[in-house]
N, C-alpha and C. Protein backbone atom coordinates (compact mmCIF):
# COMPACT_ATOMS: atom_id res chain seq x y z
N MET A 1 22.10 60.05 28.16
CA MET A 1 23.42 59.45 28.24
C MET A 1 23.55 58.33 27.22
N MET A 2 24.70 58.25 26.61
CA MET A 2 24.92 57.28 25.55
C MET A 2 24.78 55.83 26.00
N HIS A 3 25.26 55.49 27.21
CA HIS A 3 25.22 54.10 27.64
C HIS A 3 23.81 53.62 27.94
N ASP A 4 22.84 54.54 28.01
CA ASP A 4 21.45 54.15 28.21
C ASP A 4 20.75 53.86 26.89
N GLN A 5 21.44 54.07 25.76
CA GLN A 5 20.86 53.87 24.45
C GLN A 5 21.70 52.86 23.66
N PRO A 6 21.45 51.55 23.89
CA PRO A 6 22.31 50.53 23.27
C PRO A 6 22.25 50.50 21.76
N GLU A 7 21.23 51.10 21.13
CA GLU A 7 21.15 51.04 19.67
C GLU A 7 22.32 51.74 18.99
N TYR A 8 22.97 52.69 19.65
CA TYR A 8 24.11 53.37 19.05
C TYR A 8 25.30 52.41 18.88
N LEU A 9 25.35 51.36 19.68
CA LEU A 9 26.49 50.44 19.63
C LEU A 9 26.63 49.75 18.28
N GLU A 10 25.49 49.43 17.62
CA GLU A 10 25.58 48.72 16.35
C GLU A 10 26.25 49.57 15.28
N ASN A 11 26.29 50.88 15.46
CA ASN A 11 26.96 51.76 14.51
C ASN A 11 28.45 51.88 14.80
N ILE A 12 28.86 51.47 15.98
CA ILE A 12 30.26 51.58 16.38
C ILE A 12 30.98 50.25 16.26
N TYR A 13 30.35 49.18 16.75
CA TYR A 13 30.97 47.86 16.77
C TYR A 13 30.36 46.99 15.68
N HIS A 14 31.22 46.39 14.88
CA HIS A 14 30.75 45.55 13.79
C HIS A 14 31.20 44.10 13.97
N GLU A 15 31.74 43.76 15.10
CA GLU A 15 32.28 42.42 15.31
C GLU A 15 31.60 41.71 16.48
N GLY A 16 30.33 41.43 16.37
CA GLY A 16 29.64 40.57 17.31
C GLY A 16 29.62 41.07 18.74
N LEU A 17 29.04 42.19 19.00
CA LEU A 17 28.90 42.69 20.36
C LEU A 17 27.46 42.47 20.76
N TYR A 18 27.21 41.86 21.91
CA TYR A 18 25.87 41.52 22.33
C TYR A 18 25.55 42.16 23.66
N LEU A 19 24.35 42.65 23.79
CA LEU A 19 23.86 43.21 25.04
C LEU A 19 22.83 42.24 25.59
N ILE A 20 22.98 41.86 26.84
CA ILE A 20 22.11 40.88 27.44
C ILE A 20 21.45 41.48 28.67
N ASP A 21 20.14 41.41 28.72
CA ASP A 21 19.36 41.87 29.87
C ASP A 21 19.63 43.32 30.23
N GLU A 22 18.76 43.90 30.95
CA GLU A 22 18.93 45.25 31.48
C GLU A 22 18.95 45.13 32.99
N PRO A 23 19.64 45.91 33.75
CA PRO A 23 20.56 46.92 33.25
C PRO A 23 21.86 46.30 32.76
N ILE A 24 22.48 46.94 31.84
CA ILE A 24 23.74 46.47 31.27
C ILE A 24 24.86 46.77 32.25
N LEU A 25 25.65 45.77 32.55
CA LEU A 25 26.83 45.96 33.38
C LEU A 25 28.01 46.29 32.48
N GLN A 26 28.80 47.25 32.85
CA GLN A 26 29.94 47.64 32.03
C GLN A 26 30.84 46.46 31.71
N THR A 27 31.03 45.55 32.65
CA THR A 27 31.95 44.44 32.43
C THR A 27 31.39 43.38 31.50
N THR A 28 30.10 43.47 31.12
CA THR A 28 29.54 42.43 30.28
C THR A 28 29.72 42.71 28.80
N ILE A 29 30.17 43.89 28.45
CA ILE A 29 30.35 44.23 27.04
C ILE A 29 31.83 44.11 26.72
N GLN A 30 32.16 43.11 25.93
CA GLN A 30 33.56 42.87 25.61
C GLN A 30 33.69 42.41 24.16
N SER A 31 34.81 42.66 23.57
CA SER A 31 35.12 42.12 22.26
C SER A 31 36.59 41.74 22.27
N VAL A 32 36.89 40.50 21.90
CA VAL A 32 38.26 40.01 21.97
C VAL A 32 38.66 39.45 20.61
N ALA A 33 39.66 40.03 20.02
CA ALA A 33 40.25 39.54 18.75
C ALA A 33 39.18 39.18 17.72
N ASN A 34 38.25 40.09 17.50
CA ASN A 34 37.17 39.90 16.54
C ASN A 34 36.28 38.71 16.83
N GLU A 35 36.31 38.23 18.04
CA GLU A 35 35.39 37.19 18.48
C GLU A 35 34.44 37.83 19.47
N GLU A 36 33.26 37.30 19.56
CA GLU A 36 32.29 37.90 20.46
C GLU A 36 32.18 37.10 21.75
N ILE A 37 31.90 37.82 22.80
CA ILE A 37 31.69 37.19 24.09
C ILE A 37 30.30 37.59 24.55
N LYS A 38 29.52 36.62 24.94
CA LYS A 38 28.20 36.89 25.45
C LYS A 38 28.23 36.54 26.93
N VAL A 39 27.81 37.44 27.76
CA VAL A 39 27.91 37.24 29.19
C VAL A 39 26.55 37.49 29.81
N ASN A 40 26.10 36.58 30.67
CA ASN A 40 24.85 36.90 31.34
C ASN A 40 25.14 37.97 32.39
N THR A 41 24.10 38.63 32.85
CA THR A 41 24.32 39.76 33.74
C THR A 41 24.02 39.44 35.20
N SER A 42 24.10 38.18 35.59
CA SER A 42 23.91 37.90 37.00
C SER A 42 25.03 38.60 37.76
N LYS A 43 24.69 39.13 38.88
CA LYS A 43 25.64 39.97 39.61
C LYS A 43 26.77 39.17 40.25
N ASP A 44 26.56 37.89 40.49
CA ASP A 44 27.57 37.07 41.16
C ASP A 44 28.34 36.26 40.13
N ASN A 45 29.54 36.70 39.78
CA ASN A 45 30.44 35.93 38.94
C ASN A 45 29.74 35.35 37.70
N PRO A 46 29.44 36.18 36.72
CA PRO A 46 28.70 35.72 35.54
C PRO A 46 29.46 34.66 34.73
N ILE A 47 28.71 33.77 34.11
CA ILE A 47 29.28 32.75 33.22
C ILE A 47 29.62 33.43 31.89
N LYS A 48 30.83 33.21 31.42
CA LYS A 48 31.28 33.81 30.17
C LYS A 48 31.48 32.71 29.14
N TYR A 49 31.17 33.04 27.90
CA TYR A 49 31.46 32.11 26.83
C TYR A 49 31.71 32.87 25.55
N LEU A 50 32.46 32.23 24.68
CA LEU A 50 32.81 32.78 23.38
C LEU A 50 31.76 32.34 22.38
N GLY A 51 31.23 33.26 21.60
CA GLY A 51 30.21 32.94 20.61
C GLY A 51 28.89 33.57 20.98
N ALA A 52 27.94 33.50 20.07
CA ALA A 52 26.62 34.09 20.31
C ALA A 52 25.60 33.04 20.73
N ASN A 53 25.93 31.76 20.57
CA ASN A 53 25.08 30.66 21.02
C ASN A 53 23.68 30.69 20.43
N GLU A 54 23.55 31.07 19.19
CA GLU A 54 22.24 31.19 18.56
C GLU A 54 21.55 29.85 18.32
N LYS A 55 22.32 28.75 18.25
CA LYS A 55 21.71 27.43 18.01
C LYS A 55 21.82 26.50 19.22
N GLY A 56 22.30 27.00 20.34
CA GLY A 56 22.35 26.19 21.56
C GLY A 56 23.33 25.04 21.51
N ALA A 57 24.41 25.21 20.78
CA ALA A 57 25.47 24.20 20.72
C ALA A 57 26.62 24.69 21.59
N VAL A 58 26.83 24.03 22.73
CA VAL A 58 27.79 24.49 23.72
C VAL A 58 28.98 23.53 23.76
N PHE A 59 30.17 24.08 23.56
CA PHE A 59 31.40 23.31 23.61
C PHE A 59 32.15 23.72 24.87
N ILE A 60 32.48 22.74 25.70
CA ILE A 60 33.12 23.02 26.98
C ILE A 60 34.54 22.49 26.95
N VAL A 61 35.48 23.38 27.20
CA VAL A 61 36.90 23.04 27.21
C VAL A 61 37.43 23.24 28.63
N SER A 62 38.66 22.83 28.83
CA SER A 62 39.34 23.10 30.11
C SER A 62 40.76 23.53 29.79
N ASP A 63 40.97 24.84 29.81
CA ASP A 63 42.26 25.41 29.47
C ASP A 63 42.60 26.50 30.48
N PRO A 64 43.29 26.14 31.57
CA PRO A 64 43.56 27.11 32.63
C PRO A 64 44.47 28.27 32.21
N SER A 65 45.19 28.12 31.11
CA SER A 65 46.12 29.17 30.71
C SER A 65 45.51 30.19 29.74
N HIS A 66 44.22 30.01 29.38
CA HIS A 66 43.56 30.93 28.45
C HIS A 66 42.17 31.28 28.96
N ASP A 67 41.66 32.43 28.54
CA ASP A 67 40.29 32.79 28.90
C ASP A 67 39.31 31.76 28.36
N PHE A 68 39.53 31.32 27.13
CA PHE A 68 38.65 30.33 26.53
C PHE A 68 39.45 29.11 26.10
N LEU A 69 40.22 29.22 25.01
CA LEU A 69 41.09 28.13 24.63
C LEU A 69 42.21 28.66 23.75
N ASN A 70 43.26 27.85 23.64
CA ASN A 70 44.43 28.30 22.89
C ASN A 70 44.10 28.40 21.40
N PRO A 71 44.84 29.24 20.69
CA PRO A 71 44.54 29.48 19.27
C PRO A 71 44.54 28.22 18.39
N LYS A 72 45.44 27.28 18.65
CA LYS A 72 45.49 26.06 17.84
C LYS A 72 44.22 25.23 18.01
N ASP A 73 43.80 25.01 19.26
CA ASP A 73 42.58 24.26 19.51
C ASP A 73 41.35 25.01 19.00
N HIS A 74 41.36 26.33 19.16
CA HIS A 74 40.25 27.14 18.66
C HIS A 74 40.12 26.98 17.14
N GLY A 75 41.24 27.04 16.44
CA GLY A 75 41.22 26.86 14.99
C GLY A 75 40.68 25.50 14.58
N PHE A 76 41.12 24.46 15.27
CA PHE A 76 40.66 23.10 14.98
C PHE A 76 39.16 22.98 15.24
N LEU A 77 38.70 23.49 16.38
CA LEU A 77 37.28 23.42 16.71
C LEU A 77 36.44 24.19 15.69
N MET A 78 36.89 25.37 15.31
CA MET A 78 36.12 26.16 14.34
C MET A 78 36.09 25.50 12.97
N LYS A 79 37.13 24.77 12.62
CA LYS A 79 37.15 24.02 11.36
C LYS A 79 36.04 22.95 11.40
N ILE A 80 35.92 22.27 12.52
CA ILE A 80 34.86 21.26 12.69
C ILE A 80 33.49 21.92 12.64
N VAL A 81 33.34 23.00 13.37
CA VAL A 81 32.05 23.70 13.46
C VAL A 81 31.63 24.22 12.09
N GLU A 82 32.54 24.92 11.41
CA GLU A 82 32.19 25.56 10.14
C GLU A 82 32.08 24.57 8.99
N SER A 83 33.06 23.69 8.84
CA SER A 83 33.06 22.77 7.70
C SER A 83 32.17 21.56 7.93
N GLY A 84 32.26 20.98 9.10
CA GLY A 84 31.50 19.76 9.37
C GLY A 84 30.07 20.00 9.80
N LEU A 85 29.88 20.89 10.76
CA LEU A 85 28.54 21.11 11.30
C LEU A 85 27.76 22.19 10.53
N ARG A 86 28.47 22.90 9.65
CA ARG A 86 27.87 23.99 8.88
C ARG A 86 27.24 25.04 9.79
N MET A 87 27.97 25.38 10.84
CA MET A 87 27.56 26.43 11.76
C MET A 87 28.64 27.50 11.77
N SER A 88 28.33 28.62 12.37
CA SER A 88 29.30 29.70 12.48
C SER A 88 29.60 29.98 13.94
N LYS A 89 30.53 30.90 14.16
CA LYS A 89 30.86 31.30 15.53
C LYS A 89 29.66 31.91 16.23
N PHE A 90 28.68 32.37 15.47
CA PHE A 90 27.48 32.95 16.06
C PHE A 90 26.51 31.87 16.55
N ASP A 91 26.64 30.66 16.04
CA ASP A 91 25.72 29.58 16.38
C ASP A 91 26.09 28.83 17.65
N ILE A 92 27.33 28.95 18.08
CA ILE A 92 27.84 28.13 19.18
C ILE A 92 28.26 28.98 20.38
N ALA A 93 28.56 28.28 21.47
CA ALA A 93 29.18 28.89 22.65
C ALA A 93 30.36 28.02 23.03
N ILE A 94 31.47 28.65 23.39
CA ILE A 94 32.63 27.93 23.90
C ILE A 94 32.88 28.43 25.31
N ALA A 95 32.72 27.54 26.28
CA ALA A 95 32.92 27.89 27.69
C ALA A 95 34.13 27.14 28.23
N ASN A 96 34.84 27.77 29.13
CA ASN A 96 36.04 27.17 29.71
C ASN A 96 35.77 26.77 31.15
N ALA A 97 35.70 25.46 31.40
CA ALA A 97 35.42 24.93 32.73
C ALA A 97 36.61 25.06 33.68
N ALA A 98 37.76 25.44 33.16
CA ALA A 98 38.91 25.65 34.04
C ALA A 98 38.79 26.98 34.78
N ASN A 99 37.98 27.90 34.24
CA ASN A 99 37.86 29.24 34.80
C ASN A 99 36.52 29.52 35.46
N GLN A 100 35.59 28.59 35.36
CA GLN A 100 34.27 28.76 35.96
C GLN A 100 33.65 27.40 36.22
N PRO A 101 32.73 27.32 37.16
CA PRO A 101 32.20 26.01 37.56
C PRO A 101 31.40 25.30 36.46
N PHE A 102 31.72 24.04 36.26
CA PHE A 102 31.06 23.23 35.24
C PHE A 102 29.55 23.20 35.44
N ASP A 103 29.09 22.98 36.68
CA ASP A 103 27.65 22.87 36.91
C ASP A 103 26.91 24.16 36.56
N ARG A 104 27.54 25.30 36.76
CA ARG A 104 26.92 26.57 36.38
C ARG A 104 26.89 26.72 34.86
N ILE A 105 27.93 26.24 34.18
CA ILE A 105 27.92 26.29 32.71
C ILE A 105 26.72 25.50 32.19
N ILE A 106 26.56 24.28 32.68
CA ILE A 106 25.46 23.41 32.24
C ILE A 106 24.10 24.03 32.58
N ASP A 107 23.98 24.62 33.76
CA ASP A 107 22.71 25.17 34.21
C ASP A 107 22.38 26.54 33.61
N GLU A 108 23.39 27.37 33.39
CA GLU A 108 23.12 28.77 33.03
C GLU A 108 23.33 29.10 31.55
N VAL A 109 24.10 28.31 30.84
CA VAL A 109 24.29 28.58 29.41
C VAL A 109 23.21 27.81 28.66
N HIS A 110 22.38 28.55 27.94
CA HIS A 110 21.30 27.93 27.18
C HIS A 110 21.90 26.99 26.14
N GLY A 111 21.42 25.77 26.13
CA GLY A 111 21.92 24.83 25.14
C GLY A 111 21.07 23.59 25.04
N LYS A 112 21.08 23.01 23.84
CA LYS A 112 20.42 21.73 23.59
C LYS A 112 21.46 20.63 23.51
N CYS A 113 22.66 21.01 23.06
CA CYS A 113 23.74 20.05 22.85
C CYS A 113 24.99 20.55 23.57
N PHE A 114 25.57 19.71 24.41
CA PHE A 114 26.77 20.04 25.16
C PHE A 114 27.86 19.04 24.83
N VAL A 115 28.98 19.55 24.33
CA VAL A 115 30.13 18.71 23.99
C VAL A 115 31.27 19.12 24.90
N GLY A 116 31.80 18.16 25.65
CA GLY A 116 32.91 18.44 26.57
C GLY A 116 34.18 17.76 26.12
N PHE A 117 35.28 18.51 26.18
CA PHE A 117 36.58 17.98 25.79
C PHE A 117 37.43 17.78 27.03
N ASN A 118 37.57 16.51 27.42
CA ASN A 118 38.38 16.15 28.58
C ASN A 118 37.89 16.86 29.84
N ILE A 119 36.59 16.79 30.08
CA ILE A 119 35.94 17.42 31.24
C ILE A 119 35.48 16.30 32.17
N PRO A 120 36.16 16.11 33.31
CA PRO A 120 35.81 15.01 34.21
C PRO A 120 34.34 15.00 34.65
N GLU A 121 33.76 16.17 34.91
CA GLU A 121 32.36 16.22 35.34
C GLU A 121 31.42 15.73 34.24
N LEU A 122 31.74 16.05 33.00
CA LEU A 122 30.91 15.58 31.89
C LEU A 122 31.14 14.09 31.66
N ASP A 123 32.38 13.65 31.83
CA ASP A 123 32.67 12.21 31.73
C ASP A 123 31.82 11.45 32.74
N SER A 124 31.69 12.00 33.94
CA SER A 124 30.90 11.37 34.98
C SER A 124 29.41 11.33 34.59
N LEU A 125 28.89 12.44 34.07
CA LEU A 125 27.50 12.48 33.60
C LEU A 125 27.27 11.46 32.50
N ALA A 126 28.26 11.27 31.67
CA ALA A 126 28.16 10.34 30.53
C ALA A 126 28.56 8.92 30.93
N SER A 127 28.66 8.66 32.22
CA SER A 127 29.04 7.33 32.74
C SER A 127 30.37 6.85 32.19
N GLY A 128 31.27 7.80 31.94
CA GLY A 128 32.61 7.46 31.46
C GLY A 128 32.68 7.03 30.00
N MET A 129 31.57 7.13 29.29
CA MET A 129 31.56 6.69 27.89
C MET A 129 31.85 7.87 26.97
N LYS A 130 32.97 7.82 26.31
CA LYS A 130 33.34 8.86 25.36
C LYS A 130 32.76 8.53 23.99
N TYR A 131 32.45 9.58 23.25
CA TYR A 131 31.97 9.48 21.87
C TYR A 131 30.63 8.77 21.74
N ILE A 132 29.84 8.79 22.81
CA ILE A 132 28.49 8.24 22.80
C ILE A 132 27.54 9.36 23.21
N VAL A 133 26.62 9.73 22.33
CA VAL A 133 25.66 10.80 22.63
C VAL A 133 24.62 10.25 23.60
N GLN A 134 24.40 11.00 24.66
CA GLN A 134 23.41 10.62 25.65
C GLN A 134 22.48 11.80 25.90
N GLU A 135 21.27 11.50 26.33
CA GLU A 135 20.33 12.58 26.66
C GLU A 135 20.07 12.56 28.16
N ILE A 136 20.32 13.69 28.78
CA ILE A 136 20.11 13.84 30.22
C ILE A 136 19.36 15.14 30.45
N HIS A 137 18.22 15.05 31.09
CA HIS A 137 17.40 16.24 31.38
C HIS A 137 17.15 17.07 30.12
N GLU A 138 16.74 16.39 29.04
CA GLU A 138 16.40 17.02 27.76
C GLU A 138 17.58 17.75 27.11
N LYS A 139 18.80 17.40 27.50
CA LYS A 139 20.00 17.95 26.88
C LYS A 139 20.82 16.79 26.33
N LYS A 140 21.30 16.95 25.10
CA LYS A 140 22.21 15.95 24.54
C LYS A 140 23.60 16.28 25.05
N ILE A 141 24.31 15.26 25.51
CA ILE A 141 25.68 15.47 25.96
C ILE A 141 26.61 14.50 25.25
N LEU A 142 27.83 14.96 25.05
CA LEU A 142 28.86 14.16 24.40
C LEU A 142 30.18 14.43 25.09
N SER A 143 30.78 13.39 25.59
CA SER A 143 32.09 13.48 26.23
C SER A 143 33.15 13.04 25.22
N ALA A 144 34.21 13.83 25.11
CA ALA A 144 35.27 13.51 24.15
C ALA A 144 36.63 13.79 24.78
N ASP A 145 37.66 13.30 24.13
CA ASP A 145 39.03 13.61 24.56
C ASP A 145 39.32 15.08 24.27
N SER A 146 40.48 15.53 24.68
CA SER A 146 40.86 16.93 24.42
C SER A 146 40.94 17.17 22.92
N LEU A 147 40.78 18.41 22.53
CA LEU A 147 40.85 18.77 21.11
C LEU A 147 42.19 18.38 20.50
N SER A 148 43.28 18.59 21.24
CA SER A 148 44.60 18.24 20.69
C SER A 148 44.75 16.74 20.52
N ASP A 149 44.17 15.94 21.44
CA ASP A 149 44.21 14.48 21.29
C ASP A 149 43.40 14.03 20.07
N ILE A 150 42.23 14.64 19.88
CA ILE A 150 41.39 14.28 18.74
C ILE A 150 42.10 14.65 17.43
N GLU A 151 42.68 15.85 17.40
CA GLU A 151 43.34 16.32 16.18
C GLU A 151 44.49 15.41 15.78
N GLY A 152 45.18 14.84 16.76
CA GLY A 152 46.36 14.03 16.47
C GLY A 152 46.10 12.54 16.30
N ASP A 153 44.85 12.10 16.33
CA ASP A 153 44.54 10.68 16.28
C ASP A 153 43.39 10.42 15.30
N VAL A 154 43.66 9.71 14.23
CA VAL A 154 42.66 9.46 13.19
C VAL A 154 41.45 8.71 13.75
N ASP A 155 41.67 7.71 14.61
CA ASP A 155 40.56 6.95 15.17
C ASP A 155 39.67 7.82 16.05
N LYS A 156 40.28 8.70 16.83
CA LYS A 156 39.49 9.61 17.67
C LYS A 156 38.74 10.62 16.82
N LYS A 157 39.35 11.10 15.75
CA LYS A 157 38.66 12.01 14.82
C LYS A 157 37.42 11.34 14.25
N ARG A 158 37.59 10.10 13.83
CA ARG A 158 36.48 9.36 13.23
C ARG A 158 35.37 9.14 14.26
N ALA A 159 35.73 8.72 15.46
CA ALA A 159 34.73 8.49 16.51
C ALA A 159 34.02 9.80 16.88
N PHE A 160 34.78 10.88 16.96
CA PHE A 160 34.20 12.18 17.30
C PHE A 160 33.24 12.64 16.20
N TRP A 161 33.65 12.53 14.96
CA TRP A 161 32.80 12.96 13.86
C TRP A 161 31.52 12.13 13.80
N ASN A 162 31.63 10.81 13.99
CA ASN A 162 30.45 9.95 14.00
C ASN A 162 29.49 10.36 15.11
N ALA A 163 30.02 10.68 16.29
CA ALA A 163 29.18 11.11 17.41
C ALA A 163 28.52 12.46 17.12
N LEU A 164 29.27 13.38 16.50
CA LEU A 164 28.69 14.69 16.15
C LEU A 164 27.56 14.53 15.14
N GLN A 165 27.71 13.59 14.20
CA GLN A 165 26.65 13.36 13.21
C GLN A 165 25.37 12.90 13.90
N VAL A 166 25.51 12.06 14.92
CA VAL A 166 24.34 11.61 15.68
C VAL A 166 23.77 12.77 16.48
N MET A 167 24.63 13.49 17.19
CA MET A 167 24.19 14.58 18.06
C MET A 167 23.44 15.66 17.29
N PHE A 168 23.97 16.06 16.15
CA PHE A 168 23.40 17.16 15.38
C PHE A 168 22.55 16.68 14.20
N ASP A 169 22.24 15.38 14.18
CA ASP A 169 21.38 14.78 13.17
C ASP A 169 21.83 15.15 11.76
N ILE A 170 23.09 14.87 11.49
CA ILE A 170 23.68 15.14 10.18
C ILE A 170 23.61 13.86 9.37
N GLN A 171 23.02 13.96 8.22
CA GLN A 171 22.89 12.79 7.35
C GLN A 171 24.23 12.46 6.72
N LYS A 172 24.61 11.20 6.79
CA LYS A 172 25.86 10.76 6.17
C LYS A 172 25.68 10.75 4.66
N GLN A 173 26.71 11.28 3.98
CA GLN A 173 26.66 11.30 2.53
C GLN A 173 27.14 9.96 1.99
N LYS A 174 26.43 9.48 0.98
CA LYS A 174 26.85 8.21 0.35
C LYS A 174 27.98 8.49 -0.60
N SER A 175 28.99 7.59 -0.57
CA SER A 175 30.12 7.80 -1.48
C SER A 175 29.97 6.94 -2.69
């Protein structure tokens, strides 16, 4: 049977389709608008995220009206990821805390760095301090305002970028 032989999939799908654990659940294989979704195969309400998460950089949003996040915020975040962090959509994970429990995202999505945008639970973990990188249980966390607030405010952009440089150990270029 074809579904028992996942190697055939790489010849059919060319846009980031990932198979996780065996047995493969039919609902775990998805592709949305040329973006990849990686889903763990736990039988009870699996955690879903956008991206391949190859570098353990997890971005947590809260957007109840979208599976992950709206196109404008997604574009802004990807601009930061690609231009600033020099990562790709394959390096990160974008999880939506409006559609799944925050504590499960933190516990079940593999990550070294977690960035939350207007996430009250992450604000609480970070002691209410935004734009300050903290380490909790060997994970770096960063609490920030919503993506739309950051995009529309130069001071928040600057604070966010400075925090990302610390979190991802990016050397500042001398001008």
